[in-house]
């Protein structure tokens, strides 16, 4: 068994981690983005289906394309962030199941039912989005997750006309960089154990 992480690690990942609302003027190299993915990809998903797909927005042109599809308060967060990632899920994720779950050749068929297919894709893709945020925090970055955007418009703008991404469906967006602590809101309360848990 591994030993527990240090209190410093707990603070960085959870207790001291805050949603970034503004950013320092400090670049984040592409090697960091690749490191985030290489860390988060080890997070567990059902039958290792790994349905999440990530579109990384860095250039001014890509930010300009995303801007009109964001809700007002999210515009400055995205425009100032060194990176913004659109966390999506692949509607054809099952095509890669034989590669990802090779010890059970029939696993692809588990997702033939459309309801089960979309349920698995959305749940596990969301889980991978959370892994991405934890990986970014573990590597010293701040995260600004947001759902305030027009999903259909983002899918049309970035995915539908691209042969490599036309099966992708956006889930949520996360800006990444080094946050400006002066713009962080006061910590909101969390539910106590007895308010959110039942032990049987």
N, C-alpha and C. Protein backbone atom coordinates (compact mmCIF):
# COMPACT_ATOMS: atom_id res chain seq x y z
N UNK A 1 0.83 -1.20 0.00
CA UNK A 1 0.00 0.00 0.00
C UNK A 1 0.87 1.25 0.00
N UNK A 2 0.48 2.23 -0.78
CA UNK A 2 1.19 3.51 -0.80
C UNK A 2 0.84 4.32 0.45
N UNK A 3 1.76 5.17 0.84
CA UNK A 3 1.50 6.06 1.98
C UNK A 3 0.61 7.21 1.53
N UNK A 4 -0.17 7.81 2.44
CA UNK A 4 -0.96 9.00 2.09
C UNK A 4 -0.05 10.12 1.59
N UNK A 5 -0.61 10.98 0.75
CA UNK A 5 0.10 12.16 0.29
C UNK A 5 0.28 13.14 1.45
N UNK A 6 1.11 14.12 1.24
CA UNK A 6 1.34 15.12 2.28
C UNK A 6 0.18 16.10 2.34
N UNK A 7 0.11 16.83 3.45
CA UNK A 7 -0.89 17.88 3.58
C UNK A 7 -0.72 18.93 2.49
N UNK A 8 0.51 19.18 2.10
CA UNK A 8 0.77 20.15 1.02
C UNK A 8 0.11 19.70 -0.27
N UNK A 9 0.18 18.40 -0.56
CA UNK A 9 -0.46 17.87 -1.76
C UNK A 9 -1.98 17.98 -1.67
N UNK A 10 -2.53 17.66 -0.48
CA UNK A 10 -3.98 17.79 -0.30
C UNK A 10 -4.43 19.23 -0.52
N UNK A 11 -3.65 20.18 -0.03
CA UNK A 11 -4.00 21.59 -0.21
C UNK A 11 -3.97 21.97 -1.69
N UNK A 12 -2.95 21.51 -2.40
CA UNK A 12 -2.80 21.87 -3.81
C UNK A 12 -3.90 21.28 -4.67
N UNK A 13 -4.31 20.07 -4.33
CA UNK A 13 -5.31 19.39 -5.15
C UNK A 13 -6.74 19.72 -4.74
N UNK A 14 -6.97 19.98 -3.45
CA UNK A 14 -8.33 20.12 -2.96
C UNK A 14 -8.55 21.37 -2.09
N UNK A 15 -7.99 21.35 -0.90
CA UNK A 15 -8.36 22.36 0.09
C UNK A 15 -8.00 23.77 -0.32
N UNK A 16 -6.86 23.94 -0.93
CA UNK A 16 -6.43 25.27 -1.34
C UNK A 16 -6.71 25.58 -2.80
N UNK A 17 -7.16 24.60 -3.54
CA UNK A 17 -7.42 24.80 -4.98
C UNK A 17 -8.69 25.63 -5.16
N UNK A 18 -8.62 26.63 -6.02
CA UNK A 18 -9.74 27.52 -6.25
C UNK A 18 -10.00 27.66 -7.74
N UNK A 19 -11.21 28.00 -8.10
CA UNK A 19 -11.53 28.29 -9.49
C UNK A 19 -10.95 29.64 -9.88
N UNK A 20 -10.12 29.65 -10.90
CA UNK A 20 -9.49 30.88 -11.36
C UNK A 20 -10.47 31.70 -12.19
N UNK A 21 -10.55 32.99 -11.90
CA UNK A 21 -11.42 33.90 -12.64
C UNK A 21 -10.63 34.90 -13.49
N UNK A 22 -9.34 34.99 -13.26
CA UNK A 22 -8.45 35.86 -14.03
C UNK A 22 -7.07 35.22 -13.99
N UNK A 23 -6.19 35.72 -14.86
CA UNK A 23 -4.92 35.03 -15.07
C UNK A 23 -3.74 35.98 -15.00
N UNK A 24 -2.64 35.45 -14.48
CA UNK A 24 -1.38 36.17 -14.56
C UNK A 24 -0.89 36.17 -16.02
N UNK A 25 -0.13 37.19 -16.36
CA UNK A 25 0.44 37.27 -17.71
C UNK A 25 1.69 36.38 -17.75
N UNK A 26 1.42 35.09 -17.75
CA UNK A 26 2.49 34.10 -17.68
C UNK A 26 2.15 32.93 -18.60
N UNK A 27 3.01 32.65 -19.53
CA UNK A 27 2.73 31.63 -20.53
C UNK A 27 2.83 30.23 -19.93
N UNK A 28 2.18 29.30 -20.58
CA UNK A 28 2.27 27.88 -20.24
C UNK A 28 2.72 27.16 -21.50
N UNK A 29 3.85 26.49 -21.43
CA UNK A 29 4.41 25.83 -22.60
C UNK A 29 3.57 24.62 -23.01
N UNK A 30 3.62 24.29 -24.29
CA UNK A 30 2.87 23.14 -24.79
C UNK A 30 3.28 21.85 -24.11
N UNK A 31 4.53 21.75 -23.69
CA UNK A 31 4.98 20.54 -23.02
C UNK A 31 4.18 20.29 -21.75
N UNK A 32 3.69 21.35 -21.11
CA UNK A 32 2.87 21.20 -19.91
C UNK A 32 1.51 20.59 -20.26
N UNK A 33 0.93 21.03 -21.35
CA UNK A 33 -0.35 20.48 -21.79
C UNK A 33 -0.21 18.98 -22.07
N UNK A 34 0.87 18.62 -22.72
CA UNK A 34 1.11 17.20 -23.01
C UNK A 34 1.32 16.42 -21.72
N UNK A 35 1.97 17.03 -20.74
CA UNK A 35 2.18 16.37 -19.45
C UNK A 35 0.86 16.18 -18.72
N UNK A 36 -0.04 17.15 -18.82
CA UNK A 36 -1.37 17.01 -18.21
C UNK A 36 -2.07 15.78 -18.78
N UNK A 37 -2.08 15.67 -20.10
CA UNK A 37 -2.75 14.53 -20.72
C UNK A 37 -2.07 13.21 -20.33
N UNK A 38 -0.75 13.18 -20.36
CA UNK A 38 -0.04 11.95 -20.06
C UNK A 38 -0.23 11.50 -18.61
N UNK A 39 -0.60 12.42 -17.74
CA UNK A 39 -0.92 12.07 -16.37
C UNK A 39 -2.38 11.65 -16.23
N UNK A 40 -3.30 12.44 -16.79
CA UNK A 40 -4.72 12.16 -16.59
C UNK A 40 -5.19 10.90 -17.30
N UNK A 41 -4.50 10.47 -18.34
CA UNK A 41 -4.98 9.32 -19.12
C UNK A 41 -5.00 8.03 -18.32
N UNK A 42 -4.29 8.00 -17.17
CA UNK A 42 -4.26 6.80 -16.36
C UNK A 42 -5.47 6.68 -15.44
N UNK A 43 -6.31 7.70 -15.38
CA UNK A 43 -7.51 7.62 -14.55
C UNK A 43 -8.47 6.55 -15.07
N UNK A 44 -9.16 5.91 -14.14
CA UNK A 44 -10.04 4.78 -14.49
C UNK A 44 -11.30 5.24 -15.22
N UNK A 45 -11.70 4.45 -16.23
CA UNK A 45 -13.00 4.59 -16.88
C UNK A 45 -13.60 3.19 -17.03
N UNK A 46 -14.90 3.13 -17.24
CA UNK A 46 -15.58 1.83 -17.40
C UNK A 46 -14.98 1.06 -18.57
N UNK A 47 -14.50 -0.13 -18.30
CA UNK A 47 -13.90 -0.98 -19.33
C UNK A 47 -12.80 -0.23 -20.12
N UNK A 48 -12.21 0.75 -19.47
CA UNK A 48 -11.13 1.53 -20.07
C UNK A 48 -11.55 2.20 -21.39
N UNK A 49 -12.82 2.56 -21.52
CA UNK A 49 -13.31 3.07 -22.80
C UNK A 49 -12.75 4.44 -23.15
N UNK A 50 -12.35 5.24 -22.17
CA UNK A 50 -11.67 6.52 -22.40
C UNK A 50 -12.33 7.35 -23.50
N UNK A 51 -13.60 7.75 -23.32
CA UNK A 51 -14.32 8.43 -24.40
C UNK A 51 -14.02 9.92 -24.52
N UNK A 52 -13.33 10.50 -23.55
CA UNK A 52 -13.09 11.95 -23.60
C UNK A 52 -12.14 12.30 -24.73
N UNK A 53 -12.40 13.46 -25.33
CA UNK A 53 -11.52 14.03 -26.35
C UNK A 53 -11.31 15.50 -25.97
N UNK A 54 -10.16 16.04 -26.31
CA UNK A 54 -9.79 17.36 -25.83
C UNK A 54 -9.33 18.23 -27.00
N UNK A 55 -9.96 19.39 -27.13
CA UNK A 55 -9.53 20.38 -28.12
C UNK A 55 -8.92 21.55 -27.36
N UNK A 56 -7.62 21.75 -27.57
CA UNK A 56 -6.86 22.76 -26.83
C UNK A 56 -6.85 24.07 -27.61
N UNK A 57 -7.34 25.12 -27.00
CA UNK A 57 -7.44 26.44 -27.62
C UNK A 57 -6.28 27.29 -27.09
N UNK A 58 -5.41 27.71 -28.01
CA UNK A 58 -4.28 28.56 -27.60
C UNK A 58 -4.14 29.80 -28.46
N UNK A 59 -4.32 29.65 -29.77
CA UNK A 59 -4.07 30.76 -30.69
C UNK A 59 -5.15 31.83 -30.59
N UNK A 60 -4.80 33.04 -30.98
CA UNK A 60 -5.78 34.13 -31.00
C UNK A 60 -6.93 33.81 -31.94
N UNK A 61 -6.63 33.16 -33.06
CA UNK A 61 -7.66 32.80 -34.02
C UNK A 61 -8.67 31.83 -33.41
N UNK A 62 -8.17 30.82 -32.70
CA UNK A 62 -9.06 29.84 -32.09
C UNK A 62 -9.90 30.49 -30.98
N UNK A 63 -9.29 31.39 -30.20
CA UNK A 63 -10.04 32.09 -29.16
C UNK A 63 -11.13 32.96 -29.77
N UNK A 64 -10.83 33.59 -30.89
CA UNK A 64 -11.82 34.43 -31.58
C UNK A 64 -13.00 33.59 -32.06
N UNK A 65 -12.72 32.39 -32.51
CA UNK A 65 -13.80 31.50 -32.94
C UNK A 65 -14.66 31.04 -31.78
N UNK A 66 -14.05 30.85 -30.61
CA UNK A 66 -14.79 30.39 -29.44
C UNK A 66 -15.57 31.53 -28.78
N UNK A 67 -15.05 32.72 -28.83
CA UNK A 67 -15.59 33.86 -28.08
C UNK A 67 -17.09 34.07 -28.23
N UNK A 68 -17.67 34.08 -29.46
CA UNK A 68 -19.11 34.38 -29.56
C UNK A 68 -20.02 33.32 -28.97
N UNK A 69 -19.47 32.18 -28.63
CA UNK A 69 -20.29 31.09 -28.10
C UNK A 69 -20.22 30.99 -26.58
N UNK A 70 -19.52 31.92 -25.95
CA UNK A 70 -19.37 31.94 -24.50
C UNK A 70 -20.39 32.89 -23.88
N UNK A 71 -20.85 32.57 -22.68
CA UNK A 71 -21.66 33.52 -21.91
C UNK A 71 -20.78 34.67 -21.47
N UNK A 72 -21.39 35.84 -21.31
CA UNK A 72 -20.65 37.09 -21.13
C UNK A 72 -19.53 37.07 -20.13
N UNK A 73 -19.78 36.57 -18.90
CA UNK A 73 -18.75 36.60 -17.86
C UNK A 73 -17.59 35.67 -18.16
N UNK A 74 -17.80 34.71 -19.04
CA UNK A 74 -16.74 33.76 -19.35
C UNK A 74 -15.80 34.25 -20.45
N UNK A 75 -16.21 35.28 -21.18
CA UNK A 75 -15.38 35.78 -22.28
C UNK A 75 -14.00 36.23 -21.81
N UNK A 76 -13.91 37.12 -20.81
CA UNK A 76 -12.56 37.56 -20.41
C UNK A 76 -11.72 36.44 -19.82
N UNK A 77 -12.35 35.47 -19.18
CA UNK A 77 -11.60 34.35 -18.62
C UNK A 77 -10.91 33.55 -19.71
N UNK A 78 -11.62 33.31 -20.79
CA UNK A 78 -11.06 32.53 -21.89
C UNK A 78 -10.06 33.35 -22.70
N UNK A 79 -10.39 34.59 -22.97
CA UNK A 79 -9.52 35.40 -23.82
C UNK A 79 -8.16 35.66 -23.17
N UNK A 80 -8.12 35.70 -21.83
CA UNK A 80 -6.87 35.99 -21.13
C UNK A 80 -6.09 34.74 -20.75
N UNK A 81 -6.74 33.59 -20.78
CA UNK A 81 -6.07 32.36 -20.35
C UNK A 81 -5.04 31.91 -21.38
N UNK A 82 -3.90 31.40 -20.94
CA UNK A 82 -2.92 30.86 -21.89
C UNK A 82 -3.49 29.70 -22.71
N UNK A 83 -4.30 28.87 -22.06
CA UNK A 83 -4.93 27.73 -22.73
C UNK A 83 -6.38 27.62 -22.25
N UNK A 84 -7.23 27.18 -23.15
CA UNK A 84 -8.57 26.75 -22.78
C UNK A 84 -8.81 25.43 -23.49
N UNK A 85 -9.31 24.45 -22.75
CA UNK A 85 -9.56 23.14 -23.36
C UNK A 85 -11.06 22.88 -23.39
N UNK A 86 -11.53 22.48 -24.55
CA UNK A 86 -12.91 22.02 -24.69
C UNK A 86 -12.89 20.52 -24.41
N UNK A 87 -13.53 20.14 -23.31
CA UNK A 87 -13.60 18.72 -22.94
C UNK A 87 -14.84 18.15 -23.62
N UNK A 88 -14.62 17.18 -24.46
CA UNK A 88 -15.70 16.59 -25.25
C UNK A 88 -15.69 15.07 -25.06
N UNK A 89 -16.69 14.44 -25.63
CA UNK A 89 -16.71 12.97 -25.68
C UNK A 89 -16.96 12.54 -27.12
N UNK A 90 -16.40 11.39 -27.45
CA UNK A 90 -16.45 10.88 -28.81
C UNK A 90 -17.67 9.97 -28.96
N UNK A 91 -18.56 10.34 -29.86
CA UNK A 91 -19.76 9.55 -30.08
C UNK A 91 -19.46 8.23 -30.77
N UNK A 92 -18.22 8.05 -31.21
CA UNK A 92 -17.77 6.79 -31.81
C UNK A 92 -16.68 6.16 -30.95
N UNK A 93 -16.72 6.41 -29.64
CA UNK A 93 -15.67 5.89 -28.76
C UNK A 93 -15.52 4.39 -28.86
N UNK A 94 -16.63 3.68 -29.18
CA UNK A 94 -16.59 2.22 -29.20
C UNK A 94 -15.63 1.68 -30.26
N UNK A 95 -15.31 2.49 -31.27
CA UNK A 95 -14.37 2.03 -32.30
C UNK A 95 -12.99 1.74 -31.73
N UNK A 96 -12.66 2.37 -30.61
CA UNK A 96 -11.35 2.16 -30.00
C UNK A 96 -11.39 1.16 -28.83
N UNK A 97 -12.56 0.63 -28.52
CA UNK A 97 -12.66 -0.31 -27.41
C UNK A 97 -11.82 -1.57 -27.65
N UNK A 98 -11.79 -2.15 -28.86
CA UNK A 98 -10.93 -3.32 -29.05
C UNK A 98 -9.45 -3.03 -28.76
N UNK A 99 -9.00 -1.82 -29.05
CA UNK A 99 -7.62 -1.42 -28.75
C UNK A 99 -7.42 -1.21 -27.25
N UNK A 100 -8.41 -0.63 -26.59
CA UNK A 100 -8.27 -0.25 -25.19
C UNK A 100 -8.63 -1.37 -24.21
N UNK A 101 -9.41 -2.35 -24.65
CA UNK A 101 -9.86 -3.44 -23.77
C UNK A 101 -9.65 -4.77 -24.49
N UNK A 102 -8.39 -5.07 -24.88
CA UNK A 102 -8.12 -6.18 -25.80
C UNK A 102 -8.40 -7.56 -25.23
N UNK A 103 -8.44 -7.71 -23.90
CA UNK A 103 -8.65 -9.03 -23.32
C UNK A 103 -10.10 -9.48 -23.41
N UNK A 104 -11.00 -8.60 -23.88
CA UNK A 104 -12.40 -9.00 -24.09
C UNK A 104 -12.84 -8.48 -25.45
N UNK A 105 -12.66 -9.29 -26.50
CA UNK A 105 -12.99 -8.83 -27.86
C UNK A 105 -14.44 -8.41 -28.05
N UNK A 106 -15.33 -8.89 -27.20
CA UNK A 106 -16.75 -8.56 -27.35
C UNK A 106 -17.19 -7.31 -26.63
N UNK A 107 -16.25 -6.64 -25.97
CA UNK A 107 -16.62 -5.47 -25.16
C UNK A 107 -17.24 -4.36 -25.98
N UNK A 108 -16.86 -4.24 -27.23
CA UNK A 108 -17.42 -3.19 -28.08
C UNK A 108 -18.95 -3.29 -28.13
N UNK A 109 -19.47 -4.51 -28.10
CA UNK A 109 -20.91 -4.72 -28.23
C UNK A 109 -21.68 -4.30 -26.99
N UNK A 110 -20.98 -4.10 -25.87
CA UNK A 110 -21.67 -3.66 -24.65
C UNK A 110 -22.33 -2.30 -24.83
N UNK A 111 -21.87 -1.56 -25.82
CA UNK A 111 -22.34 -0.19 -26.00
C UNK A 111 -23.18 -0.03 -27.26
N UNK A 112 -23.73 -1.13 -27.74
CA UNK A 112 -24.55 -1.07 -28.96
C UNK A 112 -25.88 -0.36 -28.72
N UNK A 113 -26.44 -0.53 -27.54
CA UNK A 113 -27.68 0.16 -27.19
C UNK A 113 -27.41 1.66 -27.08
N UNK A 114 -28.22 2.47 -27.75
CA UNK A 114 -27.94 3.90 -27.84
C UNK A 114 -27.98 4.59 -26.48
N UNK A 115 -28.91 4.22 -25.63
CA UNK A 115 -29.01 4.86 -24.32
C UNK A 115 -27.79 4.51 -23.48
N UNK A 116 -27.42 3.25 -23.44
CA UNK A 116 -26.24 2.83 -22.69
C UNK A 116 -24.97 3.46 -23.25
N UNK A 117 -24.94 3.58 -24.55
CA UNK A 117 -23.79 4.17 -25.24
C UNK A 117 -23.58 5.61 -24.80
N UNK A 118 -24.63 6.42 -24.87
CA UNK A 118 -24.49 7.83 -24.51
C UNK A 118 -24.27 8.01 -23.01
N UNK A 119 -24.89 7.16 -22.22
CA UNK A 119 -24.70 7.23 -20.78
C UNK A 119 -23.24 6.96 -20.42
N UNK A 120 -22.67 5.93 -21.01
CA UNK A 120 -21.27 5.58 -20.73
C UNK A 120 -20.33 6.66 -21.24
N UNK A 121 -20.61 7.19 -22.42
CA UNK A 121 -19.73 8.21 -22.99
C UNK A 121 -19.74 9.48 -22.16
N UNK A 122 -20.92 9.94 -21.79
CA UNK A 122 -21.01 11.19 -21.04
C UNK A 122 -20.45 11.04 -19.64
N UNK A 123 -20.80 9.95 -18.95
CA UNK A 123 -20.32 9.76 -17.57
C UNK A 123 -18.80 9.65 -17.53
N UNK A 124 -18.25 8.79 -18.36
CA UNK A 124 -16.82 8.57 -18.33
C UNK A 124 -16.03 9.73 -18.92
N UNK A 125 -16.61 10.43 -19.90
CA UNK A 125 -15.96 11.62 -20.43
C UNK A 125 -15.90 12.73 -19.40
N UNK A 126 -16.97 12.87 -18.61
CA UNK A 126 -16.98 13.86 -17.53
C UNK A 126 -15.94 13.51 -16.47
N UNK A 127 -15.88 12.22 -16.15
CA UNK A 127 -14.88 11.76 -15.19
C UNK A 127 -13.48 12.09 -15.67
N UNK A 128 -13.21 11.89 -16.94
CA UNK A 128 -11.89 12.22 -17.48
C UNK A 128 -11.62 13.71 -17.46
N UNK A 129 -12.65 14.52 -17.63
CA UNK A 129 -12.48 15.96 -17.51
C UNK A 129 -12.05 16.35 -16.11
N UNK A 130 -12.61 15.67 -15.10
CA UNK A 130 -12.19 15.92 -13.72
C UNK A 130 -10.76 15.46 -13.50
N UNK A 131 -10.39 14.31 -14.08
CA UNK A 131 -9.00 13.86 -13.99
C UNK A 131 -8.06 14.91 -14.58
N UNK A 132 -8.47 15.50 -15.70
CA UNK A 132 -7.63 16.52 -16.33
C UNK A 132 -7.40 17.69 -15.38
N UNK A 133 -8.45 18.13 -14.71
CA UNK A 133 -8.30 19.25 -13.76
C UNK A 133 -7.36 18.88 -12.62
N UNK A 134 -7.48 17.67 -12.11
CA UNK A 134 -6.61 17.25 -11.01
C UNK A 134 -5.17 17.13 -11.49
N UNK A 135 -4.97 16.65 -12.71
CA UNK A 135 -3.62 16.57 -13.25
C UNK A 135 -3.01 17.96 -13.42
N UNK A 136 -3.81 18.90 -13.91
CA UNK A 136 -3.32 20.27 -14.08
C UNK A 136 -2.93 20.87 -12.73
N UNK A 137 -3.77 20.67 -11.72
CA UNK A 137 -3.45 21.17 -10.38
C UNK A 137 -2.20 20.49 -9.81
N UNK A 138 -2.08 19.19 -10.05
CA UNK A 138 -0.91 18.46 -9.56
C UNK A 138 0.37 19.01 -10.18
N UNK A 139 0.28 19.53 -11.40
CA UNK A 139 1.43 20.07 -12.10
C UNK A 139 1.62 21.57 -11.84
N UNK A 140 0.81 22.13 -10.93
CA UNK A 140 1.02 23.50 -10.51
C UNK A 140 0.22 24.55 -11.23
N UNK A 141 -0.74 24.14 -12.06
CA UNK A 141 -1.58 25.10 -12.78
C UNK A 141 -2.91 25.31 -12.05
N UNK A 142 -3.57 26.40 -12.39
CA UNK A 142 -4.92 26.68 -11.90
C UNK A 142 -5.92 26.39 -13.01
N UNK A 143 -7.14 26.12 -12.59
CA UNK A 143 -8.21 25.75 -13.52
C UNK A 143 -9.39 26.71 -13.39
N UNK A 144 -10.01 26.99 -14.52
CA UNK A 144 -11.23 27.78 -14.55
C UNK A 144 -12.30 27.04 -15.32
N UNK A 145 -12.91 25.99 -14.72
CA UNK A 145 -13.94 25.23 -15.44
C UNK A 145 -15.21 26.05 -15.61
N UNK A 146 -15.91 25.79 -16.70
CA UNK A 146 -17.14 26.54 -16.97
C UNK A 146 -18.07 25.73 -17.86
N UNK A 147 -19.36 25.92 -17.63
CA UNK A 147 -20.38 25.31 -18.50
C UNK A 147 -21.19 26.38 -19.21
N UNK A 148 -20.83 27.64 -19.01
CA UNK A 148 -21.58 28.74 -19.62
C UNK A 148 -21.18 29.00 -21.05
N UNK A 149 -21.65 28.14 -21.95
CA UNK A 149 -21.39 28.32 -23.38
C UNK A 149 -22.46 27.57 -24.17
N UNK A 150 -22.57 27.89 -25.43
CA UNK A 150 -23.55 27.26 -26.31
C UNK A 150 -22.93 26.00 -26.89
N UNK A 151 -23.30 24.87 -26.33
CA UNK A 151 -22.67 23.60 -26.74
C UNK A 151 -22.91 23.29 -28.21
N UNK A 152 -24.13 23.48 -28.68
CA UNK A 152 -24.42 23.18 -30.08
C UNK A 152 -23.60 24.06 -31.02
N UNK A 153 -23.47 25.33 -30.66
CA UNK A 153 -22.70 26.25 -31.50
C UNK A 153 -21.22 25.90 -31.49
N UNK A 154 -20.70 25.51 -30.33
CA UNK A 154 -19.29 25.10 -30.25
C UNK A 154 -19.05 23.84 -31.08
N UNK A 155 -19.97 22.89 -30.99
CA UNK A 155 -19.82 21.67 -31.78
C UNK A 155 -19.83 21.98 -33.27
N UNK A 156 -20.72 22.88 -33.67
CA UNK A 156 -20.79 23.24 -35.10
C UNK A 156 -19.54 23.99 -35.53
N UNK A 157 -19.05 24.87 -34.69
CA UNK A 157 -17.89 25.69 -35.03
C UNK A 157 -16.61 24.87 -35.16
N UNK A 158 -16.42 23.94 -34.24
CA UNK A 158 -15.12 23.26 -34.17
C UNK A 158 -15.15 21.80 -34.64
N UNK A 159 -16.25 21.12 -34.47
CA UNK A 159 -16.24 19.67 -34.67
C UNK A 159 -16.90 19.19 -35.95
N UNK A 160 -18.07 19.71 -36.27
CA UNK A 160 -18.89 19.09 -37.30
C UNK A 160 -18.25 19.07 -38.68
N UNK A 161 -17.48 20.08 -39.01
CA UNK A 161 -16.88 20.13 -40.34
C UNK A 161 -15.49 19.53 -40.42
N UNK A 162 -15.02 18.94 -39.35
CA UNK A 162 -13.66 18.41 -39.31
C UNK A 162 -13.71 16.89 -39.33
N UNK A 163 -13.01 16.29 -40.28
CA UNK A 163 -13.07 14.83 -40.44
C UNK A 163 -12.56 14.09 -39.21
N UNK A 164 -11.65 14.70 -38.46
CA UNK A 164 -11.09 14.04 -37.28
C UNK A 164 -11.95 14.22 -36.04
N UNK A 165 -12.86 15.20 -36.06
CA UNK A 165 -13.59 15.52 -34.84
C UNK A 165 -15.11 15.52 -35.02
N UNK A 166 -15.61 15.11 -36.16
CA UNK A 166 -17.05 15.31 -36.40
C UNK A 166 -17.94 14.42 -35.54
N UNK A 167 -17.36 13.47 -34.81
CA UNK A 167 -18.15 12.66 -33.87
C UNK A 167 -18.04 13.17 -32.43
N UNK A 168 -17.30 14.25 -32.23
CA UNK A 168 -17.10 14.76 -30.87
C UNK A 168 -18.29 15.62 -30.44
N UNK A 169 -18.59 15.56 -29.14
CA UNK A 169 -19.67 16.35 -28.55
C UNK A 169 -19.11 17.08 -27.32
N UNK A 170 -19.25 18.39 -27.27
CA UNK A 170 -18.68 19.14 -26.15
C UNK A 170 -19.43 18.87 -24.86
N UNK A 171 -18.69 18.90 -23.77
CA UNK A 171 -19.23 18.66 -22.43
C UNK A 171 -19.07 19.92 -21.58
N UNK A 172 -17.83 20.29 -21.27
CA UNK A 172 -17.58 21.55 -20.57
C UNK A 172 -16.24 22.11 -21.00
N UNK A 173 -15.95 23.31 -20.57
CA UNK A 173 -14.74 24.02 -20.95
C UNK A 173 -13.92 24.30 -19.70
N UNK A 174 -12.61 24.28 -19.83
CA UNK A 174 -11.76 24.61 -18.70
C UNK A 174 -10.59 25.48 -19.17
N UNK A 175 -10.51 26.69 -18.64
CA UNK A 175 -9.36 27.55 -18.89
C UNK A 175 -8.24 27.13 -17.95
N UNK A 176 -7.00 27.24 -18.42
CA UNK A 176 -5.84 26.79 -17.65
C UNK A 176 -4.73 27.82 -17.70
N UNK A 177 -4.03 27.96 -16.60
CA UNK A 177 -2.89 28.86 -16.54
C UNK A 177 -2.49 29.08 -15.10
N UNK A 178 -1.89 30.22 -14.85
CA UNK A 178 -1.53 30.60 -13.49
C UNK A 178 -2.51 31.69 -13.05
N UNK A 179 -3.36 31.35 -12.10
CA UNK A 179 -4.44 32.24 -11.73
C UNK A 179 -3.97 33.48 -10.98
N UNK A 180 -4.77 34.53 -11.10
CA UNK A 180 -4.55 35.77 -10.37
C UNK A 180 -5.33 35.68 -9.06
N UNK A 181 -4.62 35.53 -7.95
CA UNK A 181 -5.28 35.32 -6.66
C UNK A 181 -6.17 36.50 -6.26
N UNK A 182 -5.88 37.68 -6.78
CA UNK A 182 -6.67 38.86 -6.42
C UNK A 182 -8.10 38.77 -6.95
N UNK A 183 -8.32 37.92 -7.97
CA UNK A 183 -9.64 37.81 -8.58
C UNK A 183 -10.43 36.60 -8.08
N UNK A 184 -9.89 35.88 -7.11
CA UNK A 184 -10.57 34.70 -6.59
C UNK A 184 -11.65 35.11 -5.61
N UNK A 185 -12.84 34.51 -5.75
CA UNK A 185 -13.93 34.80 -4.82
C UNK A 185 -13.64 34.18 -3.46
N UNK A 186 -14.33 34.69 -2.43
CA UNK A 186 -14.26 34.05 -1.12
C UNK A 186 -14.72 32.61 -1.24
N UNK A 187 -14.11 31.75 -0.46
CA UNK A 187 -14.45 30.33 -0.50
C UNK A 187 -15.91 30.11 -0.13
N UNK A 188 -16.63 29.41 -0.99
CA UNK A 188 -18.03 29.07 -0.70
C UNK A 188 -18.08 27.87 0.23
N UNK A 189 -19.15 27.74 1.00
CA UNK A 189 -19.24 26.61 1.95
C UNK A 189 -19.42 25.29 1.21
N UNK A 190 -19.12 24.22 1.91
CA UNK A 190 -19.35 22.88 1.42
C UNK A 190 -20.26 22.16 2.41
N UNK A 191 -20.93 21.13 1.95
CA UNK A 191 -21.80 20.34 2.82
C UNK A 191 -20.96 19.52 3.80
N UNK A 192 -21.44 19.42 5.02
CA UNK A 192 -20.82 18.55 6.01
C UNK A 192 -21.11 17.10 5.68
N UNK A 193 -20.35 16.20 6.25
CA UNK A 193 -20.51 14.78 5.98
C UNK A 193 -21.96 14.34 6.21
N UNK A 194 -22.55 14.72 7.32
CA UNK A 194 -23.90 14.26 7.65
C UNK A 194 -24.97 14.85 6.74
N UNK A 195 -24.64 15.92 6.02
CA UNK A 195 -25.59 16.52 5.09
C UNK A 195 -25.57 15.84 3.71
N UNK A 196 -24.52 15.09 3.42
CA UNK A 196 -24.38 14.54 2.07
C UNK A 196 -24.10 13.04 2.04
N UNK A 197 -24.09 12.41 3.20
CA UNK A 197 -23.71 10.99 3.25
C UNK A 197 -24.66 10.21 4.15
N UNK A 198 -24.88 8.97 3.77
CA UNK A 198 -25.62 8.01 4.59
C UNK A 198 -24.82 6.72 4.61
N UNK A 199 -24.62 6.17 5.78
CA UNK A 199 -23.93 4.89 5.91
C UNK A 199 -24.95 3.83 6.32
N UNK A 200 -25.01 2.76 5.57
CA UNK A 200 -25.95 1.68 5.86
C UNK A 200 -25.23 0.52 6.54
